[in-house]
Amino acid sequence: MNAETMFSSKNHTWGTPPDFFAALHREFGFSVDAAANSTNHLLPRWYGPGGEREDALTEPWDAAETYWCNPPYGSQQAAFVAMGYNHMCVGGTSAFLLPARTDTRLFHGLVWNRDMHKPYAGIEVRFIKGRLTFVGADAPAPFPSMVVVMRGGR
């Protein structure tokens, strides 16, 4: 994987590293993979893009479910995180694998309360040491990553 590919629109569906996902799955017990396709889904229940399956951006997220989401790394990323934020507001829990881009509107609009200098209530940010190598990539990502957890009912 080269920087041109990771920062371009050539591929937005890099698969989550299985060992990385397994550790989070043990902690959270995810029930739905919210941004997957037929070759990279990590759970039996998953949403997919383009009519392949139900679309997580148009289907309501059930507060009783715990969602995993490695959203496409493109223009839809903020929409997925907004779905998770709304899910948290009704009591649900979701976790997102995202680029650690703390200078973005997404980060400051949905994750980080800049007035309080910490994440919004119910949100935790876990910065990942090193660079992940996504499924289908031949080298680590050229950017750092983070896991953003949104927990409802706090």
Foldseek 3Di string as FASTA:
>chain_A
DDQCCLPDVVFQAFADDPVVVVVVCVVPVAAEEQEHAPVRDDHPHYAYPDPRHHHSLPDQDDQVGEYEYAHGPDDCPLSNLVSQQVSQAVFHKYKYKFFPDCPDCSCCVRFAPVVVGHGDPQKDKAWDPDFDATPPHPDGHPTTIIMIMGGHDD
